[in-house]
Amino acid sequence: MYPTPVARTSRPWRITYQALLPLALIAWLLPLIGVAVFSIKPAADFAQGNYWGWPSAFEGAANYALVFTGSDMPRYLLNSVLITVPTVLGAVALSCMTGFALGVYRFRGNLLIFFMFVAGNFVPFQILMVPVRDLTLSMGLYDTKTGLVLFHIAFQTGFCTLFMRNFIRALPRPLIEAARVEGVSEIRIFLHVVLPLMKPAIAALSVLIFTFIWNDYFWAIVLTQGSGSQPVTAGITSFNAQYRAAYHLMSAGSIVAALPPVAMFFAMQRHFIAGLTLGAVK
């Protein structure tokens, strides 16, 4: 029923597995390696077709310096922070409350409301593109960081509610019942009993949502334009001119844009893994 662990397989298969694993890892990382290599090459290498060869000159320092000094990259990075951080705080805070309500209380329509939260995650982005854009225009939120934050909070709350509701349902229910017997109000039960137990889930969900929002490109180009409100994922395309694309600068900018979510994952790695595996073993 379950796959046989590699340690229990035959010796030839273990050797094959150990030989193919590094190759698979390199193949998976090859696009990222290509971007990192090209970020230290001069622009002439791309024009000459030198994609994977040895750089004709090492201009990594100049390329990365030009990304910050010759473009609006600092502004785009600031926009990403101002969009991502409020979205994470808003989506996680709302999902903690909705997850508590749907996971603790038993009432008619509980499952239906839960399905309504989850159903939004199955709607293709392309279907929502035109109505969401028209809605932001009618509300005066188009091409604003506030509009992008509100949309991301609304759309991510469904997934966050699914995550939090299932996590809360796995918590020991006698803790909540004991607090009620002692006369503790429901709001205090949420704040002082349930919320402290949710810290691993909150950490794991924060890392996931931070990565989702920071790396978003589709809605960044649909709902914003220009350096005043666009995040870094959309701002990287500003290195393209009408007749020429600065691929070496785009590569350097992509590496810079990828660093914050990677740094956050490593900073929160212990809590992230604990949040995903909590409750897996009784």
Protein backbone atom coordinates (compact mmCIF):
# COMPACT_ATOMS: atom_id res chain seq x y z
CA MET A 1 0.00 0.00 0.00
CA TYR A 2 2.85 2.37 0.85
CA PRO A 3 6.13 2.78 -1.05
CA THR A 4 9.02 0.77 0.31
CA PRO A 5 11.60 2.99 2.08
CA VAL A 6 14.81 3.38 0.09
CA ALA A 7 16.86 1.98 2.97
CA ARG A 8 14.97 -1.33 2.68
CA THR A 9 15.36 -1.75 -1.07
CA SER A 10 18.07 -3.73 -2.85
CA ARG A 11 21.61 -2.41 -3.02
CA PRO A 12 21.58 -1.80 -6.82
CA TRP A 13 18.42 0.29 -6.46
CA ARG A 14 19.92 2.32 -3.58
CA ILE A 15 23.03 3.04 -5.66
CA THR A 16 20.87 4.08 -8.62
CA TYR A 17 18.77 6.31 -6.38
CA GLN A 18 21.84 7.97 -4.86
CA ALA A 19 23.31 8.54 -8.33
CA LEU A 20 20.10 9.99 -9.85
CA LEU A 21 19.19 12.23 -6.93
CA PRO A 22 21.99 14.80 -7.51
CA LEU A 23 21.18 14.84 -11.23
CA ALA A 24 17.51 15.49 -10.52
CA LEU A 25 18.44 18.24 -8.09
CA ILE A 26 20.71 19.93 -10.65
CA ALA A 27 18.03 19.69 -13.35
CA TRP A 28 15.51 21.24 -10.97
CA LEU A 29 17.89 24.08 -10.04
CA LEU A 30 19.17 24.62 -13.59
CA PRO A 31 16.94 27.64 -14.41
CA LEU A 32 17.94 29.35 -11.16
CA ILE A 33 21.59 28.54 -11.79
CA GLY A 34 21.27 30.03 -15.29
CA VAL A 35 19.78 33.24 -13.92
CA ALA A 36 22.50 33.51 -11.26
CA VAL A 37 25.27 32.93 -13.82
CA PHE A 38 23.87 35.43 -16.30
CA SER A 39 23.52 38.07 -13.58
CA ILE A 40 27.32 38.35 -13.42
CA LYS A 41 27.85 38.51 -17.19
CA PRO A 42 28.04 41.61 -19.37
CA ALA A 43 25.20 42.42 -21.75
CA ALA A 44 27.38 41.52 -24.77
CA ASP A 45 27.38 37.83 -23.78
CA PHE A 46 23.67 37.52 -24.45
CA ALA A 47 23.96 39.26 -27.81
CA GLN A 48 26.75 36.84 -28.77
CA GLY A 49 24.77 33.76 -27.65
CA ASN A 50 27.04 33.00 -24.72
CA TYR A 51 24.29 31.70 -22.46
CA TRP A 52 26.04 28.89 -20.58
CA GLY A 53 29.68 29.52 -21.44
CA TRP A 54 32.36 31.16 -19.36
CA PRO A 55 31.68 34.91 -18.89
CA SER A 56 33.73 37.16 -21.14
CA ALA A 57 34.00 39.47 -18.13
CA PHE A 58 32.81 39.35 -14.56
CA GLU A 59 30.49 42.32 -14.05
CA GLY A 60 28.43 41.01 -11.16
CA ALA A 61 29.22 43.94 -8.86
CA ALA A 62 28.45 46.47 -11.61
CA ASN A 63 25.20 44.70 -12.56
CA TYR A 64 23.88 44.52 -9.00
CA ALA A 65 24.95 48.09 -8.30
CA LEU A 66 23.18 49.28 -11.45
CA VAL A 67 20.01 47.46 -10.40
CA PHE A 68 19.80 49.70 -7.32
CA THR A 69 21.26 52.92 -8.69
CA GLY A 70 20.05 52.93 -12.31
CA SER A 71 16.45 51.83 -11.79
CA ASP A 72 13.49 52.09 -9.42
CA MET A 73 14.32 48.74 -7.80
CA PRO A 74 14.49 50.22 -4.24
CA ARG A 75 11.02 51.66 -4.76
CA TYR A 76 9.69 48.35 -6.09
CA LEU A 77 11.16 46.49 -3.12
CA LEU A 78 9.54 48.96 -0.72
CA ASN A 79 6.21 48.52 -2.52
CA SER A 80 6.49 44.75 -2.13
CA VAL A 81 7.09 45.14 1.60
CA LEU A 82 4.16 47.55 1.97
CA ILE A 83 1.92 45.12 0.07
CA THR A 84 3.10 41.79 1.50
CA VAL A 85 3.35 42.58 5.21
CA PRO A 86 -0.20 44.04 5.62
CA THR A 87 -1.58 41.17 3.53
CA VAL A 88 0.06 38.56 5.74
CA LEU A 89 -1.14 40.29 8.92
CA GLY A 90 -4.68 40.77 7.61
CA ALA A 91 -5.13 37.30 6.12
CA VAL A 92 -3.66 35.47 9.13
CA ALA A 93 -5.66 37.56 11.64
CA LEU A 94 -8.95 37.00 9.80
CA SER A 95 -8.27 33.29 9.30
CA CYS A 96 -7.51 32.82 13.00
CA MET A 97 -10.95 34.20 13.85
CA THR A 98 -12.85 32.40 11.10
CA GLY A 99 -10.95 29.19 11.77
CA PHE A 100 -11.88 29.45 15.48
CA ALA A 101 -15.54 30.04 14.68
CA LEU A 102 -15.77 27.20 12.17
CA GLY A 103 -13.57 24.80 14.11
CA VAL A 104 -14.96 25.21 17.62
CA TYR A 105 -18.66 26.02 17.27
CA ARG A 106 -21.30 23.60 15.99
CA PHE A 107 -24.15 25.34 14.19
CA ARG A 108 -26.34 24.81 11.16
CA GLY A 109 -24.58 25.90 7.98
CA ASN A 110 -21.10 25.50 9.45
CA LEU A 111 -19.95 23.17 6.69
CA LEU A 112 -21.62 25.29 3.98
CA ILE A 113 -19.84 28.45 5.13
CA PHE A 114 -16.57 26.53 5.28
CA PHE A 115 -17.07 25.31 1.71
CA MET A 116 -17.75 28.89 0.58
CA PHE A 117 -14.37 29.95 1.98
CA VAL A 118 -12.63 27.06 0.24
CA ALA A 119 -14.52 27.34 -3.08
CA GLY A 120 -12.81 30.61 -3.99
CA ASN A 121 -9.47 28.83 -4.28
CA PHE A 122 -10.80 26.71 -7.15
CA VAL A 123 -11.80 29.67 -9.35
CA PRO A 124 -9.23 30.31 -12.13
CA PHE A 125 -7.46 33.66 -11.91
CA GLN A 126 -8.26 34.48 -15.52
CA ILE A 127 -12.00 34.42 -14.82
CA LEU A 128 -11.63 36.95 -12.00
CA MET A 129 -9.29 39.29 -13.88
CA VAL A 130 -11.88 41.52 -15.60
CA PRO A 131 -14.46 41.79 -12.77
CA VAL A 132 -11.79 42.42 -10.13
CA ARG A 133 -10.16 45.10 -12.28
CA ASP A 134 -13.53 46.77 -12.90
CA LEU A 135 -14.32 46.63 -9.19
CA THR A 136 -11.06 48.34 -8.25
CA LEU A 137 -11.70 51.01 -10.89
CA SER A 138 -15.20 51.70 -9.60
CA MET A 139 -13.95 51.92 -6.01
CA GLY A 140 -11.00 54.14 -6.90
CA LEU A 141 -8.50 51.48 -5.80
CA TYR A 142 -6.94 50.71 -9.17
CA ASP A 143 -3.17 51.23 -9.31
CA THR A 144 -2.92 51.58 -5.54
CA LYS A 145 -1.14 49.45 -2.97
CA THR A 146 -4.29 49.51 -0.84
CA GLY A 147 -6.36 47.91 -3.59
CA LEU A 148 -3.80 45.15 -4.11
CA VAL A 149 -3.57 44.51 -0.35
CA LEU A 150 -7.36 44.28 0.04
CA PHE A 151 -7.68 41.90 -2.90
CA HIS A 152 -4.92 39.63 -1.64
CA ILE A 153 -6.43 39.56 1.86
CA ALA A 154 -9.84 38.66 0.46
CA PHE A 155 -8.49 35.96 -1.83
CA GLN A 156 -5.98 34.41 0.59
CA THR A 157 -8.38 34.27 3.53
CA GLY A 158 -10.08 31.21 2.01
CA PHE A 159 -6.91 29.13 1.99
CA CYS A 160 -5.86 30.46 5.39
CA THR A 161 -9.27 29.57 6.86
CA LEU A 162 -8.94 26.02 5.53
CA PHE A 163 -5.51 25.76 7.16
CA MET A 164 -6.53 27.26 10.50
CA ARG A 165 -9.89 25.52 10.81
CA ASN A 166 -8.34 22.08 10.35
CA PHE A 167 -5.55 22.96 12.78
CA ILE A 168 -7.97 24.15 15.48
CA ARG A 169 -10.16 21.08 15.12
CA ALA A 170 -7.10 18.96 15.96
CA LEU A 171 -6.53 20.79 19.25
CA PRO A 172 -7.64 19.06 22.50
CA ARG A 173 -11.27 20.06 22.94
CA PRO A 174 -11.24 19.43 26.74
CA LEU A 175 -9.07 22.55 27.09
CA ILE A 176 -11.86 24.69 25.69
CA GLU A 177 -14.54 22.91 27.69
CA ALA A 178 -12.55 23.31 30.89
CA ALA A 179 -12.20 27.05 30.27
CA ARG A 180 -15.96 27.36 29.72
CA VAL A 181 -16.65 25.49 32.95
CA GLU A 182 -14.46 28.02 34.76
CA GLY A 183 -16.61 30.82 33.34
CA VAL A 184 -14.07 32.19 30.86
CA SER A 185 -15.66 34.24 28.07
CA GLU A 186 -15.38 33.07 24.47
CA ILE A 187 -13.15 35.96 23.46
CA ARG A 188 -10.76 35.18 26.32
CA ILE A 189 -10.80 31.51 25.36
CA PHE A 190 -9.74 32.52 21.87
CA LEU A 191 -7.05 34.95 23.01
CA HIS A 192 -5.59 33.07 25.99
CA VAL A 193 -6.28 29.38 25.28
CA VAL A 194 -6.52 28.75 21.56
CA LEU A 195 -4.30 31.49 20.11
CA PRO A 196 -1.13 30.52 22.04
CA LEU A 197 -1.53 26.94 20.79
CA MET A 198 -1.78 28.22 17.23
CA LYS A 199 1.69 29.80 17.14
CA PRO A 200 3.27 27.01 15.02
CA ALA A 201 0.38 27.18 12.55
CA ILE A 202 0.54 30.97 12.42
CA ALA A 203 4.29 30.84 11.72
CA ALA A 204 3.88 28.23 8.97
CA LEU A 205 0.97 30.09 7.38
CA SER A 206 2.81 33.42 7.53
CA VAL A 207 5.75 31.97 5.61
CA LEU A 208 3.45 30.46 2.98
CA ILE A 209 1.39 33.62 2.47
CA PHE A 210 4.49 35.82 2.47
CA THR A 211 5.95 33.69 -0.32
CA PHE A 212 2.68 33.63 -2.28
CA ILE A 213 2.18 37.40 -2.17
CA TRP A 214 5.81 38.41 -2.64
CA ASN A 215 6.14 36.20 -5.74
CA ASP A 216 2.78 37.21 -7.23
CA TYR A 217 3.11 38.54 -10.76
CA PHE A 218 -0.32 38.09 -12.32
CA TRP A 219 -2.28 40.44 -10.09
CA ALA A 220 0.64 42.84 -9.85
CA ILE A 221 0.38 43.64 -13.55
CA VAL A 222 -3.44 43.48 -13.65
CA LEU A 223 -4.16 45.85 -10.75
CA THR A 224 -1.12 48.16 -10.76
CA GLN A 225 1.08 50.08 -13.18
CA GLY A 226 4.14 52.24 -12.68
CA SER A 227 6.68 52.44 -9.90
CA GLY A 228 4.27 54.15 -7.53
CA SER A 229 2.44 50.95 -6.63
CA GLN A 230 3.92 47.99 -8.52
CA PRO A 231 5.76 45.33 -6.49
CA VAL A 232 9.19 44.05 -7.40
CA THR A 233 7.95 41.09 -9.48
CA ALA A 234 6.28 43.45 -11.94
CA GLY A 235 8.99 46.10 -11.62
CA ILE A 236 11.67 43.76 -12.97
CA THR A 237 10.13 44.14 -16.43
CA SER A 238 11.11 47.83 -16.37
CA PHE A 239 14.56 46.73 -17.52
CA ASN A 240 13.03 46.01 -20.92
CA ALA A 241 13.29 48.87 -23.38
CA GLN A 242 11.42 49.21 -26.69
CA TYR A 243 14.17 47.68 -28.83
CA ARG A 244 16.41 46.06 -26.24
CA ALA A 245 16.06 43.92 -23.13
CA ALA A 246 18.70 44.16 -20.41
CA TYR A 247 18.64 40.48 -19.50
CA HIS A 248 21.74 40.72 -17.34
CA LEU A 249 20.02 43.37 -15.20
CA MET A 250 16.76 41.40 -15.17
CA SER A 251 18.69 38.38 -13.93
CA ALA A 252 20.36 40.40 -11.17
CA GLY A 253 17.02 41.95 -10.24
CA SER A 254 15.39 38.51 -10.09
CA ILE A 255 18.04 37.28 -7.67
CA VAL A 256 17.53 40.36 -5.49
CA ALA A 257 13.75 39.87 -5.55
CA ALA A 258 14.09 36.20 -4.54
CA LEU A 259 16.24 36.88 -1.47
CA PRO A 260 13.56 38.15 1.00
CA PRO A 261 11.25 35.08 0.86
CA VAL A 262 14.28 32.77 1.01
CA ALA A 263 15.64 34.64 4.01
CA MET A 264 12.26 34.54 5.74
CA PHE A 265 11.95 30.80 5.16
CA PHE A 266 15.33 30.09 6.73
CA ALA A 267 14.59 32.45 9.61
CA MET A 268 11.25 30.72 10.30
CA GLN A 269 12.26 27.22 9.20
CA ARG A 270 11.93 25.63 12.63
CA HIS A 271 8.45 27.06 13.22
CA PHE A 272 7.41 26.34 9.63
CA ILE A 273 8.25 22.63 9.85
CA ALA A 274 6.69 22.37 13.31
CA GLY A 275 3.47 23.95 12.06
CA LEU A 276 3.17 21.60 9.10
CA THR A 277 3.91 18.42 11.06
CA LEU A 278 2.07 19.19 14.32
CA GLY A 279 -0.66 16.63 14.77
CA ALA A 280 0.77 14.23 12.22
CA VAL A 281 1.70 11.73 14.94
CA LYS A 282 -0.34 11.07 18.07
